[in-house]
Amino acid sequence: MQLRAIAKGMAIGAAAGMAGYLLSSAGSSEKNRLRRRTVKAAHAIGAVMDGIADLLH
């Protein structure tokens, strides 16, 4: 198994779970803002994981 793929999956799963919780309790204007922030956070997490993977290799 690749450590990089496992770490990305775990990070995206955690972000999705947190986003689902926040969206379930948010108002309509807050939902759009949360969606944009969640997408940005997921991309940032992916970039961090890529950087860590590059350092380990």
PDB file of N, CA and C in Angstrom:
ATOM      1  N   MET A   1       0.837  -1.186   0.000  1.00  0.00           N
ATOM      2  CA  MET A   1       0.000   0.000   0.000  1.00  0.00           C
ATOM      3  C   MET A   1       0.875   1.240   0.000  1.00  0.00           C
ATOM      4  N   GLN A   2       0.353   2.272  -0.589  1.00  0.00           N
ATOM      5  CA  GLN A   2       1.098   3.517  -0.625  1.00  0.00           C
ATOM      6  C   GLN A   2       0.663   4.409   0.523  1.00  0.00           C
ATOM      7  N   LEU A   3       1.623   4.841   1.283  1.00  0.00           N
ATOM      8  CA  LEU A   3       1.353   5.707   2.426  1.00  0.00           C
ATOM      9  C   LEU A   3       0.717   7.022   1.979  1.00  0.00           C
ATOM     10  N   ARG A   4       1.136   7.516   0.850  1.00  0.00           N
ATOM     11  CA  ARG A   4       0.616   8.780   0.316  1.00  0.00           C
ATOM     12  C   ARG A   4      -0.880   8.682   0.046  1.00  0.00           C
ATOM     13  N   ALA A   5      -1.322   7.624  -0.587  1.00  0.00           N
ATOM     14  CA  ALA A   5      -2.729   7.446  -0.913  1.00  0.00           C
ATOM     15  C   ALA A   5      -3.572   7.266   0.349  1.00  0.00           C
ATOM     16  N   ILE A   6      -3.050   6.540   1.310  1.00  0.00           N
ATOM     17  CA  ILE A   6      -3.769   6.325   2.569  1.00  0.00           C
ATOM     18  C   ILE A   6      -3.928   7.641   3.317  1.00  0.00           C
ATOM     19  N   ALA A   7      -2.865   8.423   3.383  1.00  0.00           N
ATOM     20  CA  ALA A   7      -2.912   9.699   4.100  1.00  0.00           C
ATOM     21  C   ALA A   7      -3.874  10.666   3.437  1.00  0.00           C
ATOM     22  N   LYS A   8      -3.863  10.722   2.119  1.00  0.00           N
ATOM     23  CA  LYS A   8      -4.803  11.597   1.406  1.00  0.00           C
ATOM     24  C   LYS A   8      -6.235  11.165   1.663  1.00  0.00           C
ATOM     25  N   GLY A   9      -6.491   9.884   1.612  1.00  0.00           N
ATOM     26  CA  GLY A   9      -7.835   9.374   1.856  1.00  0.00           C
ATOM     27  C   GLY A   9      -8.328   9.705   3.249  1.00  0.00           C
ATOM     28  N   MET A  10      -7.456   9.563   4.224  1.00  0.00           N
ATOM     29  CA  MET A  10      -7.840   9.878   5.600  1.00  0.00           C
ATOM     30  C   MET A  10      -8.115  11.370   5.765  1.00  0.00           C
ATOM     31  N   ALA A  11      -7.289  12.209   5.173  1.00  0.00           N
ATOM     32  CA  ALA A  11      -7.468  13.650   5.295  1.00  0.00           C
ATOM     33  C   ALA A  11      -8.746  14.106   4.602  1.00  0.00           C
ATOM     34  N   ILE A  12      -9.017  13.575   3.431  1.00  0.00           N
ATOM     35  CA  ILE A  12     -10.226  13.951   2.704  1.00  0.00           C
ATOM     36  C   ILE A  12     -11.464  13.430   3.426  1.00  0.00           C
ATOM     37  N   GLY A  13     -11.377  12.237   3.990  1.00  0.00           N
ATOM     38  CA  GLY A  13     -12.499  11.695   4.747  1.00  0.00           C
ATOM     39  C   GLY A  13     -12.812  12.528   5.980  1.00  0.00           C
ATOM     40  N   ALA A  14     -11.764  12.952   6.676  1.00  0.00           N
ATOM     41  CA  ALA A  14     -11.968  13.794   7.859  1.00  0.00           C
ATOM     42  C   ALA A  14     -12.564  15.140   7.474  1.00  0.00           C
ATOM     43  N   ALA A  15     -12.074  15.726   6.390  1.00  0.00           N
ATOM     44  CA  ALA A  15     -12.603  17.016   5.935  1.00  0.00           C
ATOM     45  C   ALA A  15     -14.049  16.878   5.488  1.00  0.00           C
ATOM     46  N   ALA A  16     -14.373  15.793   4.812  1.00  0.00           N
ATOM     47  CA  ALA A  16     -15.749  15.579   4.362  1.00  0.00           C
ATOM     48  C   ALA A  16     -16.693  15.382   5.541  1.00  0.00           C
ATOM     49  N   GLY A  17     -16.253  14.651   6.539  1.00  0.00           N
ATOM     50  CA  GLY A  17     -17.078  14.458   7.727  1.00  0.00           C
ATOM     51  C   GLY A  17     -17.325  15.756   8.462  1.00  0.00           C
ATOM     52  N   MET A  18     -16.286  16.555   8.602  1.00  0.00           N
ATOM     53  CA  MET A  18     -16.435  17.843   9.269  1.00  0.00           C
ATOM     54  C   MET A  18     -17.340  18.764   8.460  1.00  0.00           C
ATOM     55  N   ALA A  19     -17.172  18.766   7.145  1.00  0.00           N
ATOM     56  CA  ALA A  19     -18.008  19.616   6.297  1.00  0.00           C
ATOM     57  C   ALA A  19     -19.467  19.180   6.365  1.00  0.00           C
ATOM     58  N   GLY A  20     -19.705  17.894   6.363  1.00  0.00           N
ATOM     59  CA  GLY A  20     -21.084  17.398   6.475  1.00  0.00           C
ATOM     60  C   GLY A  20     -21.731  17.826   7.771  1.00  0.00           C
ATOM     61  N   TYR A  21     -20.995  17.763   8.843  1.00  0.00           N
ATOM     62  CA  TYR A  21     -21.526  18.197  10.138  1.00  0.00           C
ATOM     63  C   TYR A  21     -21.827  19.688  10.128  1.00  0.00           C
ATOM     64  N   LEU A  22     -20.885  20.475   9.614  1.00  0.00           N
ATOM     65  CA  LEU A  22     -21.082  21.923   9.591  1.00  0.00           C
ATOM     66  C   LEU A  22     -22.235  22.321   8.677  1.00  0.00           C
ATOM     67  N   LEU A  23     -22.348  21.653   7.529  1.00  0.00           N
ATOM     68  CA  LEU A  23     -23.420  21.994   6.595  1.00  0.00           C
ATOM     69  C   LEU A  23     -24.795  21.629   7.137  1.00  0.00           C
ATOM     70  N   SER A  24     -24.857  20.602   7.949  1.00  0.00           N
ATOM     71  CA  SER A  24     -26.155  20.193   8.484  1.00  0.00           C
ATOM     72  C   SER A  24     -26.698  21.202   9.488  1.00  0.00           C
ATOM     73  N   SER A  25     -25.828  21.970  10.119  1.00  0.00           N
ATOM     74  CA  SER A  25     -26.275  22.931  11.126  1.00  0.00           C
ATOM     75  C   SER A  25     -26.149  24.375  10.662  1.00  0.00           C
ATOM     76  N   ALA A  26     -25.786  24.616   9.412  1.00  0.00           N
ATOM     77  CA  ALA A  26     -25.560  25.974   8.917  1.00  0.00           C
ATOM     78  C   ALA A  26     -26.776  26.504   8.172  1.00  0.00           C
ATOM     79  N   GLY A  27     -26.867  27.832   8.114  1.00  0.00           N
ATOM     80  CA  GLY A  27     -27.899  28.493   7.322  1.00  0.00           C
ATOM     81  C   GLY A  27     -27.514  28.488   5.856  1.00  0.00           C
ATOM     82  N   SER A  28     -28.412  28.942   4.982  1.00  0.00           N
ATOM     83  CA  SER A  28     -28.164  28.861   3.542  1.00  0.00           C
ATOM     84  C   SER A  28     -26.992  29.733   3.100  1.00  0.00           C
ATOM     85  N   SER A  29     -26.849  30.928   3.650  1.00  0.00           N
ATOM     86  CA  SER A  29     -25.716  31.781   3.242  1.00  0.00           C
ATOM     87  C   SER A  29     -24.403  31.219   3.764  1.00  0.00           C
ATOM     88  N   GLU A  30     -24.445  30.594   4.927  1.00  0.00           N
ATOM     89  CA  GLU A  30     -23.237  29.996   5.488  1.00  0.00           C
ATOM     90  C   GLU A  30     -22.825  28.753   4.712  1.00  0.00           C
ATOM     91  N   LYS A  31     -23.790  28.047   4.124  1.00  0.00           N
ATOM     92  CA  LYS A  31     -23.477  26.818   3.397  1.00  0.00           C
ATOM     93  C   LYS A  31     -22.582  27.094   2.197  1.00  0.00           C
ATOM     94  N   ASN A  32     -22.883  28.146   1.447  1.00  0.00           N
ATOM     95  CA  ASN A  32     -22.053  28.454   0.276  1.00  0.00           C
ATOM     96  C   ASN A  32     -20.631  28.793   0.691  1.00  0.00           C
ATOM     97  N   ARG A  33     -20.483  29.570   1.745  1.00  0.00           N
ATOM     98  CA  ARG A  33     -19.156  29.936   2.225  1.00  0.00           C
ATOM     99  C   ARG A  33     -18.413  28.700   2.722  1.00  0.00           C
ATOM    100  N   LEU A  34     -19.097  27.821   3.433  1.00  0.00           N
ATOM    101  CA  LEU A  34     -18.466  26.601   3.938  1.00  0.00           C
ATOM    102  C   LEU A  34     -18.037  25.681   2.807  1.00  0.00           C
ATOM    103  N   ARG A  35     -18.843  25.598   1.763  1.00  0.00           N
ATOM    104  CA  ARG A  35     -18.471  24.752   0.618  1.00  0.00           C
ATOM    105  C   ARG A  35     -17.184  25.254  -0.024  1.00  0.00           C
ATOM    106  N   ARG A  36     -17.101  26.556  -0.241  1.00  0.00           N
ATOM    107  CA  ARG A  36     -15.887  27.112  -0.857  1.00  0.00           C
ATOM    108  C   ARG A  36     -14.675  26.874   0.029  1.00  0.00           C
ATOM    109  N   ARG A  37     -14.822  27.090   1.309  1.00  0.00           N
ATOM    110  CA  ARG A  37     -13.706  26.889   2.228  1.00  0.00           C
ATOM    111  C   ARG A  37     -13.302  25.424   2.304  1.00  0.00           C
ATOM    112  N   THR A  38     -14.276  24.528   2.234  1.00  0.00           N
ATOM    113  CA  THR A  38     -13.967  23.102   2.291  1.00  0.00           C
ATOM    114  C   THR A  38     -13.171  22.669   1.072  1.00  0.00           C
ATOM    115  N   VAL A  39     -13.547  23.163  -0.097  1.00  0.00           N
ATOM    116  CA  VAL A  39     -12.811  22.822  -1.317  1.00  0.00           C
ATOM    117  C   VAL A  39     -11.379  23.346  -1.231  1.00  0.00           C
ATOM    118  N   LYS A  40     -11.237  24.581  -0.764  1.00  0.00           N
ATOM    119  CA  LYS A  40      -9.887  25.145  -0.616  1.00  0.00           C
ATOM    120  C   LYS A  40      -9.068  24.341   0.391  1.00  0.00           C
ATOM    121  N   ALA A  41      -9.686  23.939   1.485  1.00  0.00           N
ATOM    122  CA  ALA A  41      -8.981  23.159   2.506  1.00  0.00           C
ATOM    123  C   ALA A  41      -8.560  21.800   1.965  1.00  0.00           C
ATOM    124  N   ALA A  42      -9.437  21.165   1.189  1.00  0.00           N
ATOM    125  CA  ALA A  42      -9.093  19.863   0.619  1.00  0.00           C
ATOM    126  C   ALA A  42      -7.903  19.987  -0.325  1.00  0.00           C
ATOM    127  N   HIS A  43      -7.874  21.043  -1.132  1.00  0.00           N
ATOM    128  CA  HIS A  43      -6.733  21.242  -2.031  1.00  0.00           C
ATOM    129  C   HIS A  43      -5.459  21.511  -1.241  1.00  0.00           C
ATOM    130  N   ALA A  44      -5.572  22.283  -0.173  1.00  0.00           N
ATOM    131  CA  ALA A  44      -4.402  22.579   0.649  1.00  0.00           C
ATOM    132  C   ALA A  44      -3.874  21.314   1.316  1.00  0.00           C
ATOM    133  N   ILE A  45      -4.775  20.471   1.801  1.00  0.00           N
ATOM    134  CA  ILE A  45      -4.356  19.218   2.434  1.00  0.00           C
ATOM    135  C   ILE A  45      -3.650  18.328   1.422  1.00  0.00           C
ATOM    136  N   GLY A  46      -4.167  18.276   0.213  1.00  0.00           N
ATOM    137  CA  GLY A  46      -3.531  17.489  -0.838  1.00  0.00           C
ATOM    138  C   GLY A  46      -2.137  17.995  -1.149  1.00  0.00           C
ATOM    139  N   ALA A  47      -1.975  19.321  -1.189  1.00  0.00           N
ATOM    140  CA  ALA A  47      -0.665  19.907  -1.467  1.00  0.00           C
ATOM    141  C   ALA A  47       0.318  19.603  -0.336  1.00  0.00           C
ATOM    142  N   VAL A  48      -0.157  19.676   0.892  1.00  0.00           N
ATOM    143  CA  VAL A  48       0.714  19.366   2.034  1.00  0.00           C
ATOM    144  C   VAL A  48       1.139  17.906   1.990  1.00  0.00           C
ATOM    145  N   MET A  49       0.204  17.018   1.710  1.00  0.00           N
ATOM    146  CA  MET A  49       0.539  15.596   1.648  1.00  0.00           C
ATOM    147  C   MET A  49       1.518  15.305   0.516  1.00  0.00           C
ATOM    148  N   ASP A  50       1.354  15.980  -0.619  1.00  0.00           N
ATOM    149  CA  ASP A  50       2.308  15.810  -1.715  1.00  0.00           C
ATOM    150  C   ASP A  50       3.698  16.276  -1.298  1.00  0.00           C
ATOM    151  N   GLY A  51       3.751  17.392  -0.597  1.00  0.00           N
ATOM    152  CA  GLY A  51       5.030  17.907  -0.126  1.00  0.00           C
ATOM    153  C   GLY A  51       5.710  16.968   0.848  1.00  0.00           C
ATOM    154  N   ILE A  52       4.930  16.407   1.765  1.00  0.00           N
ATOM    155  CA  ILE A  52       5.487  15.449   2.725  1.00  0.00           C
ATOM    156  C   ILE A  52       5.972  14.199   2.015  1.00  0.00           C
ATOM    157  N   ALA A  53       5.192  13.733   1.051  1.00  0.00           N
ATOM    158  CA  ALA A  53       5.589  12.538   0.305  1.00  0.00           C
ATOM    159  C   ALA A  53       6.884  12.782  -0.474  1.00  0.00           C
ATOM    160  N   ASP A  54       7.018  13.976  -1.048  1.00  0.00           N
ATOM    161  CA  ASP A  54       8.248  14.298  -1.756  1.00  0.00           C
ATOM    162  C   ASP A  54       9.449  14.342  -0.816  1.00  0.00           C
ATOM    163  N   LEU A  55       9.248  14.852   0.391  1.00  0.00           N
ATOM    164  CA  LEU A  55      10.346  14.902   1.351  1.00  0.00           C
ATOM    165  C   LEU A  55      10.767  13.506   1.800  1.00  0.00           C
ATOM    166  N   LEU A  56       9.819  12.588   1.879  1.00  0.00           N
ATOM    167  CA  LEU A  56      10.139  11.238   2.329  1.00  0.00           C
ATOM    168  C   LEU A  56      10.828  10.406   1.265  1.00  0.00           C
ATOM    169  N   HIS A  57      10.687  10.797   0.019  1.00  0.00           N
ATOM    170  CA  HIS A  57      11.315  10.016  -1.051  1.00  0.00           C
ATOM    171  C   HIS A  57      12.605  10.591  -1.435  1.00  0.00           C
TER     172      HIS A  57
END
